[in-house]
Amino acid sequence: MALAKEQTEMLVSKFGANEKDTGNVNVQIAILTERIRELTDHYTRFKKDKSGQRGLLILVGRRRRLLKYLQRTNLEGYRALIKELGLRK
C-alpha cells in the first residue's frame, strides 16, 4: 500500500529541507514509518495475508538500515528523529 500523495508531501515538508527533498534520510525514514504503521493495521485485520507480510518485513529491514546509517553519521539527528516519530520508547 502506498501512501496518499498528500501524506507524502506533508512528511517531506516536515522532515526535509524543502518540498523536493525526498532523498533526505530523515524523510525516507518518516515515509517508511508511516507505511509500516498503515500495513501493521492492515495485517492485524487480515492475519492470513502471508505474502503481504513479507513486504512489511522488507520495509522494516530497510528502515532499520537507514536508522543505523543515521546513527553512525548524525547521532543527535538520530535521537531527535526517534523521539519525534515515537520509535523505541
PDB file of N, CA and C in Angstrom:
ATOM      1  N   MET A   1       0.829  -1.174   0.000  1.00  0.00           N
ATOM      2  CA  MET A   1       0.000   0.000   0.000  1.00  0.00           C
ATOM      3  C   MET A   1       0.876   1.241   0.000  1.00  0.00           C
ATOM      4  N   ALA A   2       0.612   2.090  -0.934  1.00  0.00           N
ATOM      5  CA  ALA A   2       1.348   3.344  -0.997  1.00  0.00           C
ATOM      6  C   ALA A   2       0.609   4.407  -0.188  1.00  0.00           C
ATOM      7  N   LEU A   3       1.354   5.371   0.248  1.00  0.00           N
ATOM      8  CA  LEU A   3       0.754   6.479   0.979  1.00  0.00           C
ATOM      9  C   LEU A   3       0.062   7.417   0.005  1.00  0.00           C
ATOM     10  N   ALA A   4      -0.895   8.150   0.498  1.00  0.00           N
ATOM     11  CA  ALA A   4      -1.545   9.165  -0.320  1.00  0.00           C
ATOM     12  C   ALA A   4      -0.542  10.274  -0.623  1.00  0.00           C
ATOM     13  N   LYS A   5      -0.744  10.916  -1.743  1.00  0.00           N
ATOM     14  CA  LYS A   5       0.195  11.953  -2.168  1.00  0.00           C
ATOM     15  C   LYS A   5       0.266  13.080  -1.140  1.00  0.00           C
ATOM     16  N   GLU A   6      -0.855  13.417  -0.539  1.00  0.00           N
ATOM     17  CA  GLU A   6      -0.876  14.487   0.448  1.00  0.00           C
ATOM     18  C   GLU A   6      -0.073  14.116   1.692  1.00  0.00           C
ATOM     19  N   GLN A   7      -0.177  12.845   2.106  1.00  0.00           N
ATOM     20  CA  GLN A   7       0.591  12.396   3.271  1.00  0.00           C
ATOM     21  C   GLN A   7       2.085  12.478   2.995  1.00  0.00           C
ATOM     22  N   THR A   8       2.479  12.027   1.809  1.00  0.00           N
ATOM     23  CA  THR A   8       3.888  12.051   1.448  1.00  0.00           C
ATOM     24  C   THR A   8       4.406  13.486   1.393  1.00  0.00           C
ATOM     25  N   GLU A   9       3.639  14.377   0.781  1.00  0.00           N
ATOM     26  CA  GLU A   9       4.062  15.777   0.709  1.00  0.00           C
ATOM     27  C   GLU A   9       4.179  16.398   2.093  1.00  0.00           C
ATOM     28  N   MET A  10       3.263  16.038   2.981  1.00  0.00           N
ATOM     29  CA  MET A  10       3.303  16.571   4.338  1.00  0.00           C
ATOM     30  C   MET A  10       4.566  16.092   5.061  1.00  0.00           C
ATOM     31  N   LEU A  11       4.905  14.817   4.908  1.00  0.00           N
ATOM     32  CA  LEU A  11       6.102  14.286   5.563  1.00  0.00           C
ATOM     33  C   LEU A  11       7.371  14.896   4.984  1.00  0.00           C
ATOM     34  N   VAL A  12       7.389  15.103   3.663  1.00  0.00           N
ATOM     35  CA  VAL A  12       8.570  15.698   3.027  1.00  0.00           C
ATOM     36  C   VAL A  12       8.755  17.127   3.505  1.00  0.00           C
ATOM     37  N   SER A  13       7.664  17.880   3.597  1.00  0.00           N
ATOM     38  CA  SER A  13       7.800  19.272   4.046  1.00  0.00           C
ATOM     39  C   SER A  13       8.177  19.347   5.523  1.00  0.00           C
ATOM     40  N   LYS A  14       7.749  18.378   6.312  1.00  0.00           N
ATOM     41  CA  LYS A  14       8.039  18.395   7.749  1.00  0.00           C
ATOM     42  C   LYS A  14       9.483  17.980   8.044  1.00  0.00           C
ATOM     43  N   PHE A  15       9.974  16.943   7.371  1.00  0.00           N
ATOM     44  CA  PHE A  15      11.291  16.392   7.706  1.00  0.00           C
ATOM     45  C   PHE A  15      12.389  16.778   6.720  1.00  0.00           C
ATOM     46  N   GLY A  16      12.036  17.297   5.554  1.00  0.00           N
ATOM     47  CA  GLY A  16      13.034  17.650   4.560  1.00  0.00           C
ATOM     48  C   GLY A  16      13.451  19.100   4.642  1.00  0.00           C
ATOM     49  N   ALA A  17      14.478  19.439   3.884  1.00  0.00           N
ATOM     50  CA  ALA A  17      14.950  20.816   3.849  1.00  0.00           C
ATOM     51  C   ALA A  17      14.006  21.690   3.026  1.00  0.00           C
ATOM     52  N   ASN A  18      13.408  21.105   1.978  1.00  0.00           N
ATOM     53  CA  ASN A  18      12.418  21.814   1.174  1.00  0.00           C
ATOM     54  C   ASN A  18      11.394  20.802   0.651  1.00  0.00           C
ATOM     55  N   GLU A  19      10.482  21.253  -0.220  1.00  0.00           N
ATOM     56  CA  GLU A  19       9.399  20.380  -0.678  1.00  0.00           C
ATOM     57  C   GLU A  19       9.860  19.279  -1.622  1.00  0.00           C
ATOM     58  N   LYS A  20      11.038  19.426  -2.211  1.00  0.00           N
ATOM     59  CA  LYS A  20      11.527  18.438  -3.171  1.00  0.00           C
ATOM     60  C   LYS A  20      12.645  17.570  -2.604  1.00  0.00           C
ATOM     61  N   ASP A  21      12.859  17.625  -1.311  1.00  0.00           N
ATOM     62  CA  ASP A  21      13.964  16.917  -0.661  1.00  0.00           C
ATOM     63  C   ASP A  21      13.524  15.516  -0.233  1.00  0.00           C
ATOM     64  N   THR A  22      13.190  14.668  -1.210  1.00  0.00           N
ATOM     65  CA  THR A  22      12.700  13.330  -0.885  1.00  0.00           C
ATOM     66  C   THR A  22      13.826  12.346  -0.612  1.00  0.00           C
ATOM     67  N   GLY A  23      15.058  12.676  -0.973  1.00  0.00           N
ATOM     68  CA  GLY A  23      16.165  11.762  -0.769  1.00  0.00           C
ATOM     69  C   GLY A  23      16.802  11.859   0.600  1.00  0.00           C
ATOM     70  N   ASN A  24      16.400  12.822   1.385  1.00  0.00           N
ATOM     71  CA  ASN A  24      16.948  13.002   2.718  1.00  0.00           C
ATOM     72  C   ASN A  24      16.646  11.764   3.570  1.00  0.00           C
ATOM     73  N   VAL A  25      17.601  11.340   4.364  1.00  0.00           N
ATOM     74  CA  VAL A  25      17.440  10.135   5.186  1.00  0.00           C
ATOM     75  C   VAL A  25      16.272  10.288   6.156  1.00  0.00           C
ATOM     76  N   ASN A  26      16.128  11.463   6.742  1.00  0.00           N
ATOM     77  CA  ASN A  26      15.024  11.682   7.675  1.00  0.00           C
ATOM     78  C   ASN A  26      13.673  11.530   6.988  1.00  0.00           C
ATOM     79  N   VAL A  27      13.568  12.029   5.764  1.00  0.00           N
ATOM     80  CA  VAL A  27      12.320  11.921   5.015  1.00  0.00           C
ATOM     81  C   VAL A  27      12.031  10.464   4.675  1.00  0.00           C
ATOM     82  N   GLN A  28      13.047   9.748   4.230  1.00  0.00           N
ATOM     83  CA  GLN A  28      12.859   8.341   3.882  1.00  0.00           C
ATOM     84  C   GLN A  28      12.405   7.534   5.087  1.00  0.00           C
ATOM     85  N   ILE A  29      13.003   7.780   6.241  1.00  0.00           N
ATOM     86  CA  ILE A  29      12.634   7.049   7.453  1.00  0.00           C
ATOM     87  C   ILE A  29      11.209   7.404   7.866  1.00  0.00           C
ATOM     88  N   ALA A  30      10.830   8.662   7.758  1.00  0.00           N
ATOM     89  CA  ALA A  30       9.475   9.075   8.132  1.00  0.00           C
ATOM     90  C   ALA A  30       8.433   8.434   7.216  1.00  0.00           C
ATOM     91  N   ILE A  31       8.704   8.391   5.919  1.00  0.00           N
ATOM     92  CA  ILE A  31       7.769   7.776   4.975  1.00  0.00           C
ATOM     93  C   ILE A  31       7.659   6.283   5.233  1.00  0.00           C
ATOM     94  N   LEU A  32       8.780   5.621   5.452  1.00  0.00           N
ATOM     95  CA  LEU A  32       8.744   4.186   5.746  1.00  0.00           C
ATOM     96  C   LEU A  32       7.986   3.907   7.035  1.00  0.00           C
ATOM     97  N   THR A  33       8.162   4.749   8.032  1.00  0.00           N
ATOM     98  CA  THR A  33       7.478   4.559   9.313  1.00  0.00           C
ATOM     99  C   THR A  33       5.970   4.662   9.125  1.00  0.00           C
ATOM    100  N   GLU A  34       5.534   5.625   8.340  1.00  0.00           N
ATOM    101  CA  GLU A  34       4.091   5.789   8.107  1.00  0.00           C
ATOM    102  C   GLU A  34       3.532   4.598   7.333  1.00  0.00           C
ATOM    103  N   ARG A  35       4.270   4.117   6.338  1.00  0.00           N
ATOM    104  CA  ARG A  35       3.821   2.938   5.590  1.00  0.00           C
ATOM    105  C   ARG A  35       3.751   1.711   6.484  1.00  0.00           C
ATOM    106  N   ILE A  36       4.735   1.557   7.377  1.00  0.00           N
ATOM    107  CA  ILE A  36       4.760   0.414   8.290  1.00  0.00           C
ATOM    108  C   ILE A  36       3.566   0.478   9.229  1.00  0.00           C
ATOM    109  N   ARG A  37       3.227   1.656   9.711  1.00  0.00           N
ATOM    110  CA  ARG A  37       2.064   1.782  10.599  1.00  0.00           C
ATOM    111  C   ARG A  37       0.773   1.400   9.888  1.00  0.00           C
ATOM    112  N   GLU A  38       0.613   1.848   8.637  1.00  0.00           N
ATOM    113  CA  GLU A  38      -0.595   1.509   7.892  1.00  0.00           C
ATOM    114  C   GLU A  38      -0.665   0.012   7.611  1.00  0.00           C
ATOM    115  N   LEU A  39       0.455  -0.579   7.230  1.00  0.00           N
ATOM    116  CA  LEU A  39       0.460  -2.012   6.932  1.00  0.00           C
ATOM    117  C   LEU A  39       0.245  -2.845   8.187  1.00  0.00           C
ATOM    118  N   THR A  40       0.748  -2.387   9.311  1.00  0.00           N
ATOM    119  CA  THR A  40       0.539  -3.109  10.562  1.00  0.00           C
ATOM    120  C   THR A  40      -0.946  -3.156  10.901  1.00  0.00           C
ATOM    121  N   ASP A  41      -1.637  -2.041  10.699  1.00  0.00           N
ATOM    122  CA  ASP A  41      -3.083  -2.027  10.920  1.00  0.00           C
ATOM    123  C   ASP A  41      -3.790  -3.002   9.979  1.00  0.00           C
ATOM    124  N   HIS A  42      -3.343  -3.045   8.734  1.00  0.00           N
ATOM    125  CA  HIS A  42      -3.942  -3.953   7.755  1.00  0.00           C
ATOM    126  C   HIS A  42      -3.756  -5.414   8.178  1.00  0.00           C
ATOM    127  N   TYR A  43      -2.571  -5.751   8.641  1.00  0.00           N
ATOM    128  CA  TYR A  43      -2.290  -7.154   8.964  1.00  0.00           C
ATOM    129  C   TYR A  43      -2.863  -7.590  10.291  1.00  0.00           C
ATOM    130  N   THR A  44      -3.251  -6.660  11.134  1.00  0.00           N
ATOM    131  CA  THR A  44      -3.964  -7.087  12.341  1.00  0.00           C
ATOM    132  C   THR A  44      -5.381  -7.518  11.992  1.00  0.00           C
ATOM    133  N   ARG A  45      -5.951  -6.952  10.910  1.00  0.00           N
ATOM    134  CA  ARG A  45      -7.292  -7.360  10.475  1.00  0.00           C
ATOM    135  C   ARG A  45      -7.249  -8.598   9.594  1.00  0.00           C
ATOM    136  N   PHE A  46      -6.241  -8.721   8.733  1.00  0.00           N
ATOM    137  CA  PHE A  46      -6.138  -9.825   7.786  1.00  0.00           C
ATOM    138  C   PHE A  46      -4.913 -10.665   8.112  1.00  0.00           C
ATOM    139  N   LYS A  47      -5.055 -11.550   9.069  1.00  0.00           N
ATOM    140  CA  LYS A  47      -3.926 -12.324   9.587  1.00  0.00           C
ATOM    141  C   LYS A  47      -3.373 -13.334   8.584  1.00  0.00           C
ATOM    142  N   LYS A  48      -4.166 -13.747   7.611  1.00  0.00           N
ATOM    143  CA  LYS A  48      -3.711 -14.784   6.681  1.00  0.00           C
ATOM    144  C   LYS A  48      -3.040 -14.231   5.434  1.00  0.00           C
ATOM    145  N   ASP A  49      -2.801 -12.960   5.387  1.00  0.00           N
ATOM    146  CA  ASP A  49      -2.132 -12.333   4.245  1.00  0.00           C
ATOM    147  C   ASP A  49      -0.622 -12.490   4.412  1.00  0.00           C
ATOM    148  N   LYS A  50      -0.139 -13.697   4.216  1.00  0.00           N
ATOM    149  CA  LYS A  50       1.274 -14.004   4.472  1.00  0.00           C
ATOM    150  C   LYS A  50       2.196 -13.397   3.428  1.00  0.00           C
ATOM    151  N   SER A  51       1.774 -13.346   2.179  1.00  0.00           N
ATOM    152  CA  SER A  51       2.648 -12.791   1.155  1.00  0.00           C
ATOM    153  C   SER A  51       2.844 -11.293   1.364  1.00  0.00           C
ATOM    154  N   GLY A  52       1.824 -10.624   1.844  1.00  0.00           N
ATOM    155  CA  GLY A  52       1.950  -9.203   2.122  1.00  0.00           C
ATOM    156  C   GLY A  52       2.787  -8.925   3.350  1.00  0.00           C
ATOM    157  N   GLN A  53       2.790  -9.844   4.298  1.00  0.00           N
ATOM    158  CA  GLN A  53       3.598  -9.655   5.497  1.00  0.00           C
ATOM    159  C   GLN A  53       5.085  -9.662   5.166  1.00  0.00           C
ATOM    160  N   ARG A  54       5.453 -10.369   4.109  1.00  0.00           N
ATOM    161  CA  ARG A  54       6.847 -10.358   3.673  1.00  0.00           C
ATOM    162  C   ARG A  54       7.257  -8.949   3.253  1.00  0.00           C
ATOM    163  N   GLY A  55       6.365  -8.268   2.565  1.00  0.00           N
ATOM    164  CA  GLY A  55       6.637  -6.884   2.173  1.00  0.00           C
ATOM    165  C   GLY A  55       6.815  -5.984   3.374  1.00  0.00           C
ATOM    166  N   LEU A  56       6.016  -6.221   4.403  1.00  0.00           N
ATOM    167  CA  LEU A  56       6.145  -5.442   5.638  1.00  0.00           C
ATOM    168  C   LEU A  56       7.513  -5.667   6.271  1.00  0.00           C
ATOM    169  N   LEU A  57       7.957  -6.907   6.308  1.00  0.00           N
ATOM    170  CA  LEU A  57       9.268  -7.202   6.886  1.00  0.00           C
ATOM    171  C   LEU A  57      10.395  -6.564   6.077  1.00  0.00           C
ATOM    172  N   ILE A  58      10.235  -6.491   4.763  1.00  0.00           N
ATOM    173  CA  ILE A  58      11.229  -5.837   3.918  1.00  0.00           C
ATOM    174  C   ILE A  58      11.312  -4.351   4.253  1.00  0.00           C
ATOM    175  N   LEU A  59      10.144  -3.714   4.448  1.00  0.00           N
ATOM    176  CA  LEU A  59      10.125  -2.292   4.808  1.00  0.00           C
ATOM    177  C   LEU A  59      10.767  -2.048   6.167  1.00  0.00           C
ATOM    178  N   VAL A  60      10.509  -2.940   7.122  1.00  0.00           N
ATOM    179  CA  VAL A  60      11.100  -2.798   8.456  1.00  0.00           C
ATOM    180  C   VAL A  60      12.620  -2.919   8.365  1.00  0.00           C
ATOM    181  N   GLY A  61      13.106  -3.849   7.571  1.00  0.00           N
ATOM    182  CA  GLY A  61      14.550  -4.005   7.399  1.00  0.00           C
ATOM    183  C   GLY A  61      15.181  -2.802   6.731  1.00  0.00           C
ATOM    184  N   ARG A  62      14.501  -2.227   5.743  1.00  0.00           N
ATOM    185  CA  ARG A  62      15.011  -1.049   5.060  1.00  0.00           C
ATOM    186  C   ARG A  62      15.087   0.135   6.022  1.00  0.00           C
ATOM    187  N   ARG A  63      14.045   0.303   6.851  1.00  0.00           N
ATOM    188  CA  ARG A  63      14.050   1.393   7.826  1.00  0.00           C
ATOM    189  C   ARG A  63      15.155   1.185   8.852  1.00  0.00           C
ATOM    190  N   ARG A  64      15.362  -0.064   9.271  1.00  0.00           N
ATOM    191  CA  ARG A  64      16.404  -0.354  10.255  1.00  0.00           C
ATOM    192  C   ARG A  64      17.788  -0.004   9.702  1.00  0.00           C
ATOM    193  N   ARG A  65      18.026  -0.328   8.422  1.00  0.00           N
ATOM    194  CA  ARG A  65      19.315   0.015   7.814  1.00  0.00           C
ATOM    195  C   ARG A  65      19.509   1.521   7.725  1.00  0.00           C
ATOM    196  N   LEU A  66      18.451   2.257   7.354  1.00  0.00           N
ATOM    197  CA  LEU A  66      18.561   3.714   7.287  1.00  0.00           C
ATOM    198  C   LEU A  66      18.793   4.319   8.670  1.00  0.00           C
ATOM    199  N   LEU A  67      18.147   3.764   9.692  1.00  0.00           N
ATOM    200  CA  LEU A  67      18.355   4.259  11.055  1.00  0.00           C
ATOM    201  C   LEU A  67      19.782   3.993  11.519  1.00  0.00           C
ATOM    202  N   LYS A  68      20.343   2.843  11.175  1.00  0.00           N
ATOM    203  CA  LYS A  68      21.731   2.554  11.547  1.00  0.00           C
ATOM    204  C   LYS A  68      22.690   3.539  10.875  1.00  0.00           C
ATOM    205  N   TYR A  69      22.408   3.853   9.608  1.00  0.00           N
ATOM    206  CA  TYR A  69      23.234   4.826   8.890  1.00  0.00           C
ATOM    207  C   TYR A  69      23.155   6.195   9.556  1.00  0.00           C
ATOM    208  N   LEU A  70      21.938   6.619   9.882  1.00  0.00           N
ATOM    209  CA  LEU A  70      21.753   7.919  10.515  1.00  0.00           C
ATOM    210  C   LEU A  70      22.428   7.961  11.881  1.00  0.00           C
ATOM    211  N   GLN A  71      22.371   6.868  12.615  1.00  0.00           N
ATOM    212  CA  GLN A  71      23.010   6.806  13.930  1.00  0.00           C
ATOM    213  C   GLN A  71      24.526   6.939  13.804  1.00  0.00           C
ATOM    214  N   ARG A  72      25.095   6.322  12.775  1.00  0.00           N
ATOM    215  CA  ARG A  72      26.539   6.409  12.554  1.00  0.00           C
ATOM    216  C   ARG A  72      26.981   7.813  12.159  1.00  0.00           C
ATOM    217  N   THR A  73      26.176   8.479  11.319  1.00  0.00           N
ATOM    218  CA  THR A  73      26.607   9.742  10.741  1.00  0.00           C
ATOM    219  C   THR A  73      26.171  10.969  11.533  1.00  0.00           C
ATOM    220  N   ASN A  74      24.996  10.911  12.174  1.00  0.00           N
ATOM    221  CA  ASN A  74      24.456  12.079  12.858  1.00  0.00           C
ATOM    222  C   ASN A  74      23.677  11.612  14.083  1.00  0.00           C
ATOM    223  N   LEU A  75      24.382  11.422  15.186  1.00  0.00           N
ATOM    224  CA  LEU A  75      23.775  10.841  16.382  1.00  0.00           C
ATOM    225  C   LEU A  75      22.688  11.739  16.969  1.00  0.00           C
ATOM    226  N   GLU A  76      22.914  13.037  17.014  1.00  0.00           N
ATOM    227  CA  GLU A  76      21.900  13.939  17.572  1.00  0.00           C
ATOM    228  C   GLU A  76      20.655  13.985  16.693  1.00  0.00           C
ATOM    229  N   GLY A  77      20.848  13.992  15.389  1.00  0.00           N
ATOM    230  CA  GLY A  77      19.709  13.950  14.477  1.00  0.00           C
ATOM    231  C   GLY A  77      18.941  12.647  14.594  1.00  0.00           C
ATOM    232  N   TYR A  78      19.668  11.563  14.814  1.00  0.00           N
ATOM    233  CA  TYR A  78      19.048  10.255  15.020  1.00  0.00           C
ATOM    234  C   TYR A  78      18.163  10.265  16.258  1.00  0.00           C
ATOM    235  N   ARG A  79      18.691  10.789  17.364  1.00  0.00           N
ATOM    236  CA  ARG A  79      17.914  10.823  18.610  1.00  0.00           C
ATOM    237  C   ARG A  79      16.677  11.703  18.473  1.00  0.00           C
ATOM    238  N   ALA A  80      16.818  12.830  17.786  1.00  0.00           N
ATOM    239  CA  ALA A  80      15.674  13.729  17.598  1.00  0.00           C
ATOM    240  C   ALA A  80      14.604  13.075  16.727  1.00  0.00           C
ATOM    241  N   LEU A  81      15.030  12.389  15.681  1.00  0.00           N
ATOM    242  CA  LEU A  81      14.070  11.739  14.782  1.00  0.00           C
ATOM    243  C   LEU A  81      13.347  10.598  15.480  1.00  0.00           C
ATOM    244  N   ILE A  82      14.064   9.809  16.256  1.00  0.00           N
ATOM    245  CA  ILE A  82      13.454   8.714  17.001  1.00  0.00           C
ATOM    246  C   ILE A  82      12.386   9.247  17.957  1.00  0.00           C
ATOM    247  N   LYS A  83      12.713  10.340  18.617  1.00  0.00           N
ATOM    248  CA  LYS A  83      11.775  10.926  19.565  1.00  0.00           C
ATOM    249  C   LYS A  83      10.546  11.484  18.858  1.00  0.00           C
ATOM    250  N   GLU A  84      10.760  12.144  17.727  1.00  0.00           N
ATOM    251  CA  GLU A  84       9.647  12.763  17.001  1.00  0.00           C
ATOM    252  C   GLU A  84       8.715  11.731  16.368  1.00  0.00           C
ATOM    253  N   LEU A  85       9.287  10.631  15.880  1.00  0.00           N
ATOM    254  CA  LEU A  85       8.467   9.600  15.248  1.00  0.00           C
ATOM    255  C   LEU A  85       7.835   8.644  16.272  1.00  0.00           C
ATOM    256  N   GLY A  86       8.325   8.675  17.495  1.00  0.00           N
ATOM    257  CA  GLY A  86       7.772   7.806  18.519  1.00  0.00           C
ATOM    258  C   GLY A  86       8.271   6.379  18.428  1.00  0.00           C
ATOM    259  N   LEU A  87       9.491   6.195  17.967  1.00  0.00           N
ATOM    260  CA  LEU A  87      10.087   4.864  17.879  1.00  0.00           C
ATOM    261  C   LEU A  87      10.930   4.604  19.122  1.00  0.00           C
ATOM    262  N   ARG A  88      11.051   3.369  19.512  1.00  0.00           N
ATOM    263  CA  ARG A  88      11.896   2.951  20.635  1.00  0.00           C
ATOM    264  C   ARG A  88      11.619   3.752  21.887  1.00  0.00           C
ATOM    265  N   LYS A  89      10.501   3.512  22.467  1.00  0.00           N
ATOM    266  CA  LYS A  89      10.071   4.287  23.636  1.00  0.00           C
ATOM    267  C   LYS A  89      10.859   3.982  24.857  1.00  0.00           C
TER     268      LYS A  89
END
